[in-house]
Amino acid sequence: MQVFPGDPEVTITVAAEIAADGFQVAEVHAGTHTGTHLDAPLHTVPGGASVDQIDLSRLVGVARIVRLPVVDAGHVFVWSDVEAQLGDLDAVAMVLFHTGWSQHFGTEQYLRHPAFDADIARGLLDRGVSVVGVDTLNPDPTDLSGAEVDLPFHSELLGADGVIVENLTNLGSVDWADPWVSVLPLPLTGMDGSPVRAVAMQQSTPAG
C-alpha cells in the first residue's frame, strides 16, 4: 500500500493457518498514518491530544462535501475556491474536500496532489468546524525533495485541537445531500494517528 514517503511500509503475513494450526491469524505491520487515517493533534503539536483523547462524538455526524474542479498536480486551493460551498455550517460535524485525486492512489502522481492553503483551515475554524478530510495524501503540499517538512494547514487545524482525515476515497459516490459520515479510529493510547474506516450513510426519512 502506498504510504507517505518515509513512513513504515505495510506488510501482511499469515502467522497461523487452519490446515496446520486449526485457525487462521494474520500479522499486520503498518504505521499510524496508513491508508485512510486520522491525524490527531499530537501528530504535529508537541503535547497535543492523542487519538484516544479525541471525543468520538466529533467524528460521527453530518458532513459537507466540497466538490472541487479537476486541477493540475501541485495546485493549491485558496479560501475563495471553497467559500461558496461553505455556507450555513451550524449542523455540520465535518467538511470533506473532494478533488478526485484519489484515482491516482498507488502511483507517483498521487504524491503530487493538490493542496489547501492554511487560510482554509482558519476559515473553517472560524465557522466552528474542526474536523476536515481530504481525498489526497496530505492537505499540505508533499515535498519530495527531502527538505524539512512544512505543514501550515496541519499547524493551523491541529494547533486548534482539530482533526484531519487523509486518503479518503469514493467521495464521488456520495451523491446525496447531508451524508452522515463516520471516521472512527482505533483507540491507540498515546498515539498520533490511526487508520479509520470512513463510511458515508444516507439518513432515512421517518415514515408518516
N, C-alpha and C. Protein backbone atom coordinates (compact mmCIF):
# COMPACT_ATOMS: atom_id res chain seq x y z
N MET A 1 0.84 -1.19 0.00
CA MET A 1 0.00 0.00 0.00
C MET A 1 0.87 1.24 0.00
N GLN A 2 0.50 2.24 -0.78
CA GLN A 2 1.26 3.48 -0.82
C GLN A 2 1.16 4.22 0.52
N VAL A 3 2.28 4.75 0.97
CA VAL A 3 2.32 5.50 2.23
C VAL A 3 3.06 6.81 2.00
N PHE A 4 2.96 7.70 2.96
CA PHE A 4 3.71 8.95 2.90
C PHE A 4 5.20 8.61 2.85
N PRO A 5 5.97 9.30 1.99
CA PRO A 5 7.39 8.96 1.85
C PRO A 5 8.12 8.91 3.20
N GLY A 6 8.74 7.77 3.48
CA GLY A 6 9.47 7.59 4.72
C GLY A 6 8.68 6.91 5.82
N ASP A 7 7.36 6.83 5.67
CA ASP A 7 6.55 6.14 6.68
C ASP A 7 6.76 4.63 6.60
N PRO A 8 6.42 3.90 7.67
CA PRO A 8 6.57 2.44 7.63
C PRO A 8 5.78 1.81 6.49
N GLU A 9 6.39 0.87 5.82
CA GLU A 9 5.69 0.14 4.77
C GLU A 9 4.68 -0.81 5.39
N VAL A 10 3.66 -1.15 4.62
CA VAL A 10 2.61 -2.06 5.09
C VAL A 10 2.93 -3.47 4.66
N THR A 11 2.93 -4.40 5.62
CA THR A 11 3.10 -5.81 5.29
C THR A 11 2.03 -6.61 6.03
N ILE A 12 1.50 -7.60 5.36
CA ILE A 12 0.52 -8.51 5.96
C ILE A 12 0.97 -9.93 5.67
N THR A 13 1.20 -10.71 6.71
CA THR A 13 1.65 -12.09 6.55
C THR A 13 0.76 -13.02 7.37
N VAL A 14 0.67 -14.26 6.96
CA VAL A 14 -0.11 -15.25 7.68
C VAL A 14 0.75 -15.83 8.79
N ALA A 15 0.28 -15.72 10.03
CA ALA A 15 1.02 -16.24 11.18
C ALA A 15 0.57 -17.63 11.58
N ALA A 16 -0.68 -17.96 11.28
CA ALA A 16 -1.20 -19.30 11.57
C ALA A 16 -2.22 -19.64 10.50
N GLU A 17 -2.27 -20.95 10.15
CA GLU A 17 -3.17 -21.40 9.11
C GLU A 17 -4.10 -22.49 9.64
N ILE A 18 -5.30 -22.54 9.09
CA ILE A 18 -6.28 -23.53 9.55
C ILE A 18 -5.76 -24.95 9.37
N ALA A 19 -5.14 -25.23 8.21
CA ALA A 19 -4.68 -26.59 7.92
C ALA A 19 -3.65 -27.07 8.94
N ALA A 20 -2.76 -26.18 9.35
CA ALA A 20 -1.68 -26.57 10.27
C ALA A 20 -2.00 -26.32 11.74
N ASP A 21 -2.80 -25.28 11.99
CA ASP A 21 -2.99 -24.84 13.38
C ASP A 21 -4.43 -24.91 13.87
N GLY A 22 -5.36 -25.13 12.96
CA GLY A 22 -6.76 -25.19 13.35
C GLY A 22 -7.46 -23.84 13.35
N PHE A 23 -6.74 -22.78 13.04
CA PHE A 23 -7.29 -21.43 12.98
C PHE A 23 -6.36 -20.58 12.12
N GLN A 24 -6.86 -19.43 11.70
CA GLN A 24 -6.02 -18.52 10.90
C GLN A 24 -5.83 -17.21 11.64
N VAL A 25 -4.61 -16.71 11.66
CA VAL A 25 -4.25 -15.42 12.24
C VAL A 25 -3.26 -14.75 11.30
N ALA A 26 -3.46 -13.47 11.04
CA ALA A 26 -2.52 -12.72 10.20
C ALA A 26 -1.77 -11.71 11.05
N GLU A 27 -0.58 -11.38 10.62
CA GLU A 27 0.24 -10.34 11.26
C GLU A 27 0.22 -9.11 10.36
N VAL A 28 -0.14 -7.95 10.92
CA VAL A 28 -0.20 -6.70 10.18
C VAL A 28 0.84 -5.75 10.73
N HIS A 29 1.68 -5.23 9.86
CA HIS A 29 2.67 -4.22 10.25
C HIS A 29 2.37 -2.96 9.45
N ALA A 30 2.07 -1.87 10.15
CA ALA A 30 1.71 -0.63 9.46
C ALA A 30 1.94 0.55 10.38
N GLY A 31 2.16 1.71 9.79
CA GLY A 31 2.30 2.93 10.57
C GLY A 31 0.93 3.45 11.00
N THR A 32 0.94 4.43 11.89
CA THR A 32 -0.31 5.00 12.38
C THR A 32 -1.00 5.88 11.34
N HIS A 33 -0.31 6.18 10.23
CA HIS A 33 -0.88 7.02 9.18
C HIS A 33 -0.98 6.24 7.87
N THR A 34 -1.52 5.04 7.98
CA THR A 34 -1.65 4.13 6.84
C THR A 34 -3.05 4.23 6.23
N GLY A 35 -3.11 4.24 4.90
CA GLY A 35 -4.40 4.25 4.22
C GLY A 35 -5.25 5.44 4.64
N THR A 36 -6.56 5.26 4.63
CA THR A 36 -7.44 6.31 5.14
C THR A 36 -7.24 6.37 6.64
N HIS A 37 -6.81 7.52 7.12
CA HIS A 37 -6.42 7.60 8.53
C HIS A 37 -6.72 8.97 9.10
N LEU A 38 -6.62 9.05 10.39
CA LEU A 38 -6.89 10.27 11.14
C LEU A 38 -5.59 10.81 11.74
N ASP A 39 -5.37 12.12 11.60
CA ASP A 39 -4.26 12.80 12.29
C ASP A 39 -4.79 13.42 13.58
N ALA A 40 -4.28 12.98 14.71
CA ALA A 40 -4.60 13.63 15.98
C ALA A 40 -3.70 14.85 16.15
N PRO A 41 -4.06 15.79 17.02
CA PRO A 41 -3.19 16.95 17.24
C PRO A 41 -1.74 16.58 17.56
N LEU A 42 -1.53 15.47 18.26
CA LEU A 42 -0.18 15.05 18.63
C LEU A 42 0.71 14.81 17.42
N HIS A 43 0.11 14.65 16.25
CA HIS A 43 0.89 14.39 15.03
C HIS A 43 1.88 15.53 14.75
N THR A 44 1.48 16.77 15.00
CA THR A 44 2.37 17.91 14.72
C THR A 44 2.49 18.89 15.89
N VAL A 45 1.72 18.68 16.95
CA VAL A 45 1.69 19.63 18.07
C VAL A 45 2.31 18.98 19.30
N PRO A 46 3.45 19.46 19.77
CA PRO A 46 4.03 18.89 20.99
C PRO A 46 3.05 18.95 22.15
N GLY A 47 2.80 17.81 22.77
CA GLY A 47 1.86 17.76 23.88
C GLY A 47 0.41 17.78 23.46
N GLY A 48 0.14 17.71 22.15
CA GLY A 48 -1.23 17.73 21.67
C GLY A 48 -1.99 16.45 22.03
N ALA A 49 -3.30 16.48 21.82
CA ALA A 49 -4.14 15.34 22.16
C ALA A 49 -3.79 14.13 21.28
N SER A 50 -3.80 12.97 21.90
CA SER A 50 -3.57 11.73 21.17
C SER A 50 -4.90 11.16 20.68
N VAL A 51 -4.83 10.11 19.88
CA VAL A 51 -6.03 9.54 19.27
C VAL A 51 -7.07 9.16 20.33
N ASP A 52 -6.62 8.53 21.41
CA ASP A 52 -7.56 8.05 22.42
C ASP A 52 -8.18 9.18 23.23
N GLN A 53 -7.68 10.41 23.07
CA GLN A 53 -8.22 11.55 23.80
C GLN A 53 -9.23 12.36 22.99
N ILE A 54 -9.47 11.96 21.74
CA ILE A 54 -10.41 12.68 20.89
C ILE A 54 -11.84 12.24 21.24
N ASP A 55 -12.72 13.18 21.46
CA ASP A 55 -14.12 12.88 21.71
C ASP A 55 -14.74 12.26 20.45
N LEU A 56 -15.16 11.01 20.54
CA LEU A 56 -15.65 10.30 19.36
C LEU A 56 -16.90 10.93 18.76
N SER A 57 -17.64 11.69 19.55
CA SER A 57 -18.85 12.33 19.02
C SER A 57 -18.51 13.35 17.94
N ARG A 58 -17.27 13.84 17.92
CA ARG A 58 -16.84 14.78 16.89
C ARG A 58 -16.64 14.08 15.54
N LEU A 59 -16.50 12.77 15.56
CA LEU A 59 -16.08 12.03 14.38
C LEU A 59 -17.22 11.29 13.71
N VAL A 60 -18.44 11.54 14.15
CA VAL A 60 -19.63 10.95 13.54
C VAL A 60 -20.67 12.06 13.42
N GLY A 61 -21.18 12.27 12.22
CA GLY A 61 -22.20 13.30 12.06
C GLY A 61 -22.34 13.74 10.61
N VAL A 62 -23.10 14.81 10.42
CA VAL A 62 -23.35 15.32 9.07
C VAL A 62 -22.07 15.91 8.49
N ALA A 63 -21.79 15.55 7.24
CA ALA A 63 -20.61 16.07 6.55
C ALA A 63 -21.03 16.97 5.40
N ARG A 64 -20.26 18.00 5.19
CA ARG A 64 -20.39 18.82 3.98
C ARG A 64 -19.26 18.40 3.04
N ILE A 65 -19.63 17.91 1.86
CA ILE A 65 -18.62 17.55 0.86
C ILE A 65 -18.46 18.71 -0.11
N VAL A 66 -17.27 19.27 -0.13
CA VAL A 66 -16.96 20.38 -1.03
C VAL A 66 -16.35 19.79 -2.30
N ARG A 67 -17.03 19.99 -3.41
CA ARG A 67 -16.59 19.40 -4.66
C ARG A 67 -15.79 20.41 -5.46
N LEU A 68 -14.58 20.04 -5.80
CA LEU A 68 -13.64 20.97 -6.44
C LEU A 68 -13.31 20.51 -7.86
N PRO A 69 -12.96 21.43 -8.73
CA PRO A 69 -12.69 21.07 -10.12
C PRO A 69 -11.38 20.31 -10.28
N VAL A 70 -11.29 19.60 -11.38
CA VAL A 70 -10.04 18.92 -11.71
C VAL A 70 -8.95 19.97 -11.92
N VAL A 71 -7.80 19.75 -11.29
CA VAL A 71 -6.70 20.72 -11.38
C VAL A 71 -5.40 19.98 -11.70
N ASP A 72 -4.39 20.76 -12.03
CA ASP A 72 -3.07 20.18 -12.30
C ASP A 72 -2.39 19.78 -11.01
N ALA A 73 -1.40 18.90 -11.12
CA ALA A 73 -0.60 18.48 -9.97
C ALA A 73 -0.03 19.70 -9.26
N GLY A 74 -0.07 19.67 -7.94
CA GLY A 74 0.54 20.73 -7.15
C GLY A 74 -0.30 21.97 -6.97
N HIS A 75 -1.49 22.02 -7.56
CA HIS A 75 -2.35 23.20 -7.40
C HIS A 75 -2.69 23.41 -5.93
N VAL A 76 -2.74 24.67 -5.50
CA VAL A 76 -3.10 24.99 -4.12
C VAL A 76 -4.44 25.73 -4.12
N PHE A 77 -5.44 25.12 -3.50
CA PHE A 77 -6.74 25.76 -3.35
C PHE A 77 -6.68 26.82 -2.26
N VAL A 78 -7.38 27.93 -2.48
CA VAL A 78 -7.44 29.01 -1.50
C VAL A 78 -8.89 29.20 -1.06
N TRP A 79 -9.09 30.06 -0.06
CA TRP A 79 -10.41 30.22 0.54
C TRP A 79 -11.48 30.59 -0.49
N SER A 80 -11.14 31.45 -1.44
CA SER A 80 -12.13 31.88 -2.43
C SER A 80 -12.60 30.72 -3.32
N ASP A 81 -11.81 29.64 -3.42
CA ASP A 81 -12.20 28.48 -4.22
C ASP A 81 -13.30 27.66 -3.53
N VAL A 82 -13.38 27.75 -2.21
CA VAL A 82 -14.27 26.86 -1.46
C VAL A 82 -15.38 27.59 -0.72
N GLU A 83 -15.25 28.90 -0.57
CA GLU A 83 -16.15 29.68 0.28
C GLU A 83 -17.61 29.51 -0.10
N ALA A 84 -17.92 29.48 -1.39
CA ALA A 84 -19.31 29.43 -1.83
C ALA A 84 -20.02 28.15 -1.39
N GLN A 85 -19.26 27.09 -1.11
CA GLN A 85 -19.87 25.82 -0.70
C GLN A 85 -19.86 25.63 0.81
N LEU A 86 -19.49 26.69 1.54
CA LEU A 86 -19.33 26.54 2.98
C LEU A 86 -20.26 27.46 3.77
N GLY A 87 -21.43 27.71 3.22
CA GLY A 87 -22.42 28.48 3.96
C GLY A 87 -23.20 27.60 4.92
N ASP A 88 -23.69 28.18 6.00
CA ASP A 88 -24.57 27.51 6.96
C ASP A 88 -24.00 26.17 7.42
N LEU A 89 -22.96 26.25 8.23
CA LEU A 89 -22.29 25.05 8.74
C LEU A 89 -22.71 24.70 10.17
N ASP A 90 -23.80 25.31 10.66
CA ASP A 90 -24.18 25.12 12.05
C ASP A 90 -24.40 23.66 12.43
N ALA A 91 -25.00 22.87 11.53
CA ALA A 91 -25.30 21.48 11.85
C ALA A 91 -24.27 20.50 11.28
N VAL A 92 -23.17 21.03 10.77
CA VAL A 92 -22.16 20.20 10.10
C VAL A 92 -21.06 19.79 11.07
N ALA A 93 -20.79 18.49 11.13
CA ALA A 93 -19.76 17.97 12.03
C ALA A 93 -18.38 18.01 11.40
N MET A 94 -18.32 17.89 10.07
CA MET A 94 -17.02 17.83 9.39
C MET A 94 -17.17 18.30 7.95
N VAL A 95 -16.08 18.77 7.38
CA VAL A 95 -16.04 19.17 5.98
C VAL A 95 -15.04 18.28 5.26
N LEU A 96 -15.46 17.70 4.14
CA LEU A 96 -14.63 16.80 3.35
C LEU A 96 -14.43 17.39 1.96
N PHE A 97 -13.19 17.44 1.51
CA PHE A 97 -12.87 18.02 0.21
C PHE A 97 -12.67 16.92 -0.84
N HIS A 98 -13.48 17.02 -1.91
CA HIS A 98 -13.43 16.04 -3.00
C HIS A 98 -12.74 16.67 -4.20
N THR A 99 -11.51 16.24 -4.47
CA THR A 99 -10.75 16.73 -5.62
C THR A 99 -10.69 15.70 -6.75
N GLY A 100 -11.02 14.46 -6.45
CA GLY A 100 -10.89 13.39 -7.44
C GLY A 100 -9.50 12.79 -7.51
N TRP A 101 -8.58 13.31 -6.67
CA TRP A 101 -7.19 12.85 -6.76
C TRP A 101 -7.01 11.42 -6.27
N SER A 102 -7.96 10.88 -5.55
CA SER A 102 -7.82 9.51 -5.04
C SER A 102 -7.69 8.49 -6.17
N GLN A 103 -8.10 8.87 -7.39
CA GLN A 103 -7.96 7.95 -8.53
C GLN A 103 -6.49 7.63 -8.81
N HIS A 104 -5.58 8.47 -8.31
CA HIS A 104 -4.15 8.25 -8.56
C HIS A 104 -3.47 7.45 -7.45
N PHE A 105 -4.24 7.01 -6.45
CA PHE A 105 -3.63 6.30 -5.33
C PHE A 105 -2.83 5.10 -5.82
N GLY A 106 -1.63 4.94 -5.29
CA GLY A 106 -0.75 3.85 -5.69
C GLY A 106 0.21 4.20 -6.80
N THR A 107 0.17 5.46 -7.26
CA THR A 107 1.06 5.90 -8.34
C THR A 107 1.91 7.08 -7.86
N GLU A 108 2.95 7.38 -8.62
CA GLU A 108 3.79 8.54 -8.29
C GLU A 108 2.99 9.84 -8.38
N GLN A 109 1.99 9.89 -9.27
CA GLN A 109 1.18 11.09 -9.42
C GLN A 109 0.44 11.43 -8.12
N TYR A 110 0.11 10.42 -7.35
CA TYR A 110 -0.62 10.67 -6.10
C TYR A 110 0.17 11.56 -5.15
N LEU A 111 1.50 11.48 -5.21
CA LEU A 111 2.36 12.29 -4.34
C LEU A 111 2.39 13.76 -4.76
N ARG A 112 1.92 14.05 -5.97
CA ARG A 112 1.93 15.42 -6.50
C ARG A 112 0.53 16.03 -6.45
N HIS A 113 -0.15 15.73 -5.40
CA HIS A 113 -1.56 16.08 -5.22
C HIS A 113 -1.77 17.58 -5.06
N PRO A 114 -3.00 18.04 -5.30
CA PRO A 114 -3.33 19.42 -4.93
C PRO A 114 -3.30 19.58 -3.41
N ALA A 115 -3.19 20.83 -2.97
CA ALA A 115 -3.09 21.11 -1.54
C ALA A 115 -4.05 22.25 -1.18
N PHE A 116 -4.08 22.59 0.10
CA PHE A 116 -5.04 23.56 0.62
C PHE A 116 -4.32 24.61 1.45
N ASP A 117 -4.56 25.86 1.11
CA ASP A 117 -3.94 26.96 1.82
C ASP A 117 -4.40 26.97 3.28
N ALA A 118 -3.53 27.41 4.17
CA ALA A 118 -3.87 27.44 5.60
C ALA A 118 -5.04 28.36 5.89
N ASP A 119 -5.32 29.32 5.00
CA ASP A 119 -6.50 30.18 5.19
C ASP A 119 -7.79 29.37 5.21
N ILE A 120 -7.81 28.23 4.51
CA ILE A 120 -9.00 27.38 4.53
C ILE A 120 -9.18 26.79 5.91
N ALA A 121 -8.10 26.35 6.53
CA ALA A 121 -8.19 25.83 7.90
C ALA A 121 -8.70 26.92 8.84
N ARG A 122 -8.16 28.13 8.70
CA ARG A 122 -8.60 29.22 9.58
C ARG A 122 -10.08 29.56 9.34
N GLY A 123 -10.50 29.57 8.07
CA GLY A 123 -11.88 29.88 7.76
C GLY A 123 -12.84 28.87 8.35
N LEU A 124 -12.47 27.60 8.30
CA LEU A 124 -13.33 26.55 8.87
C LEU A 124 -13.38 26.65 10.39
N LEU A 125 -12.24 26.88 11.00
CA LEU A 125 -12.22 27.02 12.46
C LEU A 125 -13.07 28.20 12.90
N ASP A 126 -13.01 29.29 12.15
CA ASP A 126 -13.82 30.47 12.47
C ASP A 126 -15.31 30.15 12.41
N ARG A 127 -15.66 29.16 11.61
CA ARG A 127 -17.07 28.78 11.44
C ARG A 127 -17.45 27.57 12.28
N GLY A 128 -16.58 27.19 13.20
CA GLY A 128 -16.89 26.12 14.14
C GLY A 128 -16.62 24.71 13.67
N VAL A 129 -15.91 24.56 12.55
CA VAL A 129 -15.60 23.22 12.03
C VAL A 129 -14.14 22.89 12.31
N SER A 130 -13.90 21.80 13.01
CA SER A 130 -12.53 21.43 13.37
C SER A 130 -12.16 20.02 12.92
N VAL A 131 -13.04 19.36 12.17
CA VAL A 131 -12.73 18.05 11.58
C VAL A 131 -12.79 18.20 10.07
N VAL A 132 -11.67 17.95 9.40
CA VAL A 132 -11.54 18.18 7.97
C VAL A 132 -10.95 16.95 7.31
N GLY A 133 -11.52 16.54 6.18
CA GLY A 133 -11.00 15.40 5.45
C GLY A 133 -10.65 15.76 4.01
N VAL A 134 -9.68 15.05 3.45
CA VAL A 134 -9.24 15.27 2.07
C VAL A 134 -9.08 13.92 1.38
N ASP A 135 -9.28 13.92 0.05
CA ASP A 135 -9.07 12.69 -0.72
C ASP A 135 -7.69 12.71 -1.37
N THR A 136 -6.73 13.24 -0.63
CA THR A 136 -5.33 13.32 -1.06
C THR A 136 -4.45 12.78 0.06
N LEU A 137 -3.16 12.68 -0.23
CA LEU A 137 -2.21 12.20 0.77
C LEU A 137 -2.06 13.16 1.93
N ASN A 138 -2.40 14.45 1.70
CA ASN A 138 -1.98 15.47 2.64
C ASN A 138 -2.72 16.77 2.26
N PRO A 139 -3.25 17.53 3.22
CA PRO A 139 -3.80 18.83 2.84
C PRO A 139 -2.71 19.85 2.51
N ASP A 140 -1.51 19.63 3.05
CA ASP A 140 -0.35 20.45 2.71
C ASP A 140 0.38 19.83 1.52
N PRO A 141 1.17 20.60 0.78
CA PRO A 141 1.96 20.00 -0.29
C PRO A 141 2.91 18.94 0.27
N THR A 142 3.09 17.86 -0.46
CA THR A 142 4.05 16.82 -0.07
C THR A 142 5.37 17.12 -0.76
N ASP A 143 6.38 17.48 0.02
CA ASP A 143 7.69 17.86 -0.52
C ASP A 143 8.50 16.59 -0.77
N LEU A 144 8.86 16.34 -2.01
CA LEU A 144 9.61 15.14 -2.37
C LEU A 144 11.11 15.39 -2.42
N SER A 145 11.54 16.59 -2.03
CA SER A 145 12.96 16.94 -2.13
C SER A 145 13.76 16.47 -0.93
N GLY A 146 13.09 16.05 0.13
CA GLY A 146 13.79 15.66 1.35
C GLY A 146 14.08 16.82 2.27
N ALA A 147 13.59 18.02 1.94
CA ALA A 147 13.80 19.19 2.79
C ALA A 147 12.95 19.07 4.06
N GLU A 148 13.20 19.97 5.01
CA GLU A 148 12.42 19.98 6.25
C GLU A 148 10.94 20.17 5.94
N VAL A 149 10.11 19.35 6.58
CA VAL A 149 8.68 19.36 6.29
C VAL A 149 8.04 20.65 6.80
N ASP A 150 7.22 21.26 5.94
CA ASP A 150 6.47 22.47 6.31
C ASP A 150 4.98 22.14 6.16
N LEU A 151 4.23 22.25 7.26
CA LEU A 151 2.85 21.81 7.28
C LEU A 151 1.94 22.90 7.84
N PRO A 152 1.76 24.00 7.11
CA PRO A 152 0.96 25.12 7.65
C PRO A 152 -0.50 24.76 7.88
N PHE A 153 -1.13 23.97 7.01
CA PHE A 153 -2.52 23.58 7.22
C PHE A 153 -2.64 22.73 8.49
N HIS A 154 -1.74 21.76 8.63
CA HIS A 154 -1.71 20.96 9.85
C HIS A 154 -1.53 21.84 11.08
N SER A 155 -0.60 22.77 10.99
CA SER A 155 -0.31 23.62 12.14
C SER A 155 -1.54 24.40 12.58
N GLU A 156 -2.28 24.94 11.61
CA GLU A 156 -3.48 25.72 11.93
C GLU A 156 -4.56 24.84 12.56
N LEU A 157 -4.88 23.73 11.89
CA LEU A 157 -6.01 22.93 12.33
C LEU A 157 -5.67 22.10 13.57
N LEU A 158 -4.57 21.37 13.53
CA LEU A 158 -4.22 20.55 14.68
C LEU A 158 -3.81 21.42 15.86
N GLY A 159 -3.25 22.60 15.56
CA GLY A 159 -2.89 23.51 16.64
C GLY A 159 -4.09 24.06 17.39
N ALA A 160 -5.27 23.97 16.77
CA ALA A 160 -6.52 24.40 17.41
C ALA A 160 -7.31 23.18 17.90
N ASP A 161 -6.61 22.06 18.14
CA ASP A 161 -7.22 20.82 18.61
C ASP A 161 -8.14 20.21 17.57
N GLY A 162 -7.88 20.50 16.29
CA GLY A 162 -8.67 19.91 15.22
C GLY A 162 -8.19 18.53 14.86
N VAL A 163 -8.86 17.94 13.88
CA VAL A 163 -8.57 16.59 13.41
C VAL A 163 -8.55 16.61 11.88
N ILE A 164 -7.59 15.92 11.27
CA ILE A 164 -7.51 15.82 9.81
C ILE A 164 -7.64 14.35 9.42
N VAL A 165 -8.47 14.08 8.42
CA VAL A 165 -8.60 12.73 7.86
C VAL A 165 -8.03 12.78 6.44
N GLU A 166 -7.10 11.88 6.15
CA GLU A 166 -6.41 11.88 4.86
C GLU A 166 -6.67 10.58 4.09
N ASN A 167 -6.42 10.63 2.79
CA ASN A 167 -6.58 9.46 1.90
C ASN A 167 -8.02 8.95 1.84
N LEU A 168 -8.98 9.87 1.90
CA LEU A 168 -10.35 9.46 1.66
C LEU A 168 -10.50 9.01 0.21
N THR A 169 -11.50 8.19 -0.06
CA THR A 169 -11.75 7.74 -1.42
C THR A 169 -13.24 7.55 -1.62
N ASN A 170 -13.65 7.47 -2.88
CA ASN A 170 -15.05 7.24 -3.25
C ASN A 170 -15.99 8.38 -2.85
N LEU A 171 -15.48 9.57 -2.62
CA LEU A 171 -16.37 10.69 -2.30
C LEU A 171 -17.31 11.00 -3.45
N GLY A 172 -16.89 10.70 -4.66
CA GLY A 172 -17.75 10.92 -5.82
C GLY A 172 -18.99 10.05 -5.81
N SER A 173 -18.95 8.95 -5.06
CA SER A 173 -20.11 8.05 -4.98
C SER A 173 -21.15 8.54 -3.99
N VAL A 174 -20.80 9.51 -3.18
CA VAL A 174 -21.75 10.05 -2.21
C VAL A 174 -22.53 11.14 -2.93
N ASP A 175 -23.64 10.76 -3.53
CA ASP A 175 -24.37 11.68 -4.41
C ASP A 175 -25.67 12.17 -3.78
N TRP A 176 -25.76 12.12 -2.46
CA TRP A 176 -26.93 12.66 -1.77
C TRP A 176 -26.49 13.76 -0.81
N ALA A 177 -27.41 14.63 -0.46
CA ALA A 177 -27.09 15.76 0.41
C ALA A 177 -26.97 15.32 1.86
N ASP A 178 -26.16 16.03 2.60
CA ASP A 178 -26.02 15.85 4.05
C ASP A 178 -25.75 14.41 4.45
N PRO A 179 -24.71 13.78 3.90
CA PRO A 179 -24.40 12.41 4.32
C PRO A 179 -24.00 12.36 5.78
N TRP A 180 -24.37 11.27 6.43
CA TRP A 180 -23.95 11.01 7.81
C TRP A 180 -22.66 10.21 7.70
N VAL A 181 -21.55 10.75 8.21
CA VAL A 181 -20.23 10.15 8.00
C VAL A 181 -19.61 9.76 9.33
N SER A 182 -18.98 8.60 9.33
CA SER A 182 -18.23 8.11 10.49
C SER A 182 -16.77 7.92 10.10
N VAL A 183 -15.87 8.47 10.91
CA VAL A 183 -14.43 8.30 10.69
C VAL A 183 -13.77 7.89 12.01
N LEU A 184 -14.24 6.81 12.60
CA LEU A 184 -13.78 6.40 13.92
C LEU A 184 -12.43 5.69 13.86
N PRO A 185 -11.49 6.08 14.74
CA PRO A 185 -10.17 5.47 14.78
C PRO A 185 -10.11 4.31 15.77
N LEU A 186 -9.01 3.60 15.76
CA LEU A 186 -8.72 2.65 16.82
C LEU A 186 -8.31 3.44 18.07
N PRO A 187 -8.63 2.96 19.27
CA PRO A 187 -8.28 3.69 20.48
C PRO A 187 -6.82 3.44 20.89
N LEU A 188 -5.90 3.94 20.09
CA LEU A 188 -4.47 3.69 20.31
C LEU A 188 -3.93 4.68 21.34
N THR A 189 -3.71 4.21 22.54
CA THR A 189 -3.32 5.07 23.66
C THR A 189 -2.01 5.79 23.37
N GLY A 190 -2.06 7.13 23.47
CA GLY A 190 -0.86 7.94 23.33
C GLY A 190 -0.34 8.08 21.93
N MET A 191 -1.11 7.65 20.93
CA MET A 191 -0.62 7.67 19.56
C MET A 191 -1.07 8.91 18.79
N ASP A 192 -0.34 9.22 17.71
CA ASP A 192 -0.51 10.44 16.92
C ASP A 192 -1.51 10.30 15.78
N GLY A 193 -1.92 9.09 15.46
CA GLY A 193 -2.85 8.87 14.37
C GLY A 193 -3.35 7.44 14.38
N SER A 194 -4.31 7.15 13.51
CA SER A 194 -4.85 5.80 13.42
C SER A 194 -5.56 5.61 12.10
N PRO A 195 -5.44 4.43 11.49
CA PRO A 195 -6.32 4.12 10.36
C PRO A 195 -7.78 4.22 10.80
N VAL A 196 -8.64 4.61 9.86
CA VAL A 196 -10.08 4.68 10.14
C VAL A 196 -10.82 3.95 9.03
N ARG A 197 -12.02 3.52 9.33
CA ARG A 197 -12.94 3.01 8.30
C ARG A 197 -13.94 4.12 8.06
N ALA A 198 -13.75 4.88 6.99
CA ALA A 198 -14.62 6.01 6.69
C ALA A 198 -15.86 5.50 5.96
N VAL A 199 -17.03 5.82 6.52
CA VAL A 199 -18.29 5.33 5.95
C VAL A 199 -19.27 6.49 5.85
N ALA A 200 -19.90 6.64 4.69
CA ALA A 200 -20.95 7.64 4.48
C ALA A 200 -22.29 6.94 4.39
N MET A 201 -23.25 7.41 5.15
CA MET A 201 -24.57 6.78 5.20
C MET A 201 -25.65 7.78 4.82
N GLN A 202 -26.69 7.29 4.20
CA GLN A 202 -27.81 8.12 3.83
C GLN A 202 -28.88 7.99 4.91
N GLN A 203 -29.23 9.12 5.54
CA GLN A 203 -30.19 9.07 6.61
C GLN A 203 -31.59 8.83 6.04
N SER A 204 -32.29 7.89 6.65
CA SER A 204 -33.63 7.59 6.19
C SER A 204 -34.61 8.62 6.75
N THR A 205 -35.66 8.90 5.99
CA THR A 205 -36.69 9.84 6.43
C THR A 205 -37.79 9.08 7.16
N PRO A 206 -38.11 9.46 8.38
CA PRO A 206 -39.15 8.74 9.13
C PRO A 206 -40.47 8.72 8.36
N ALA A 207 -41.17 7.60 8.43
CA ALA A 207 -42.45 7.47 7.75
C ALA A 207 -43.50 8.33 8.45
N GLY A 208 -44.52 8.72 7.68
CA GLY A 208 -45.62 9.44 8.28
C GLY A 208 -45.62 10.90 7.98
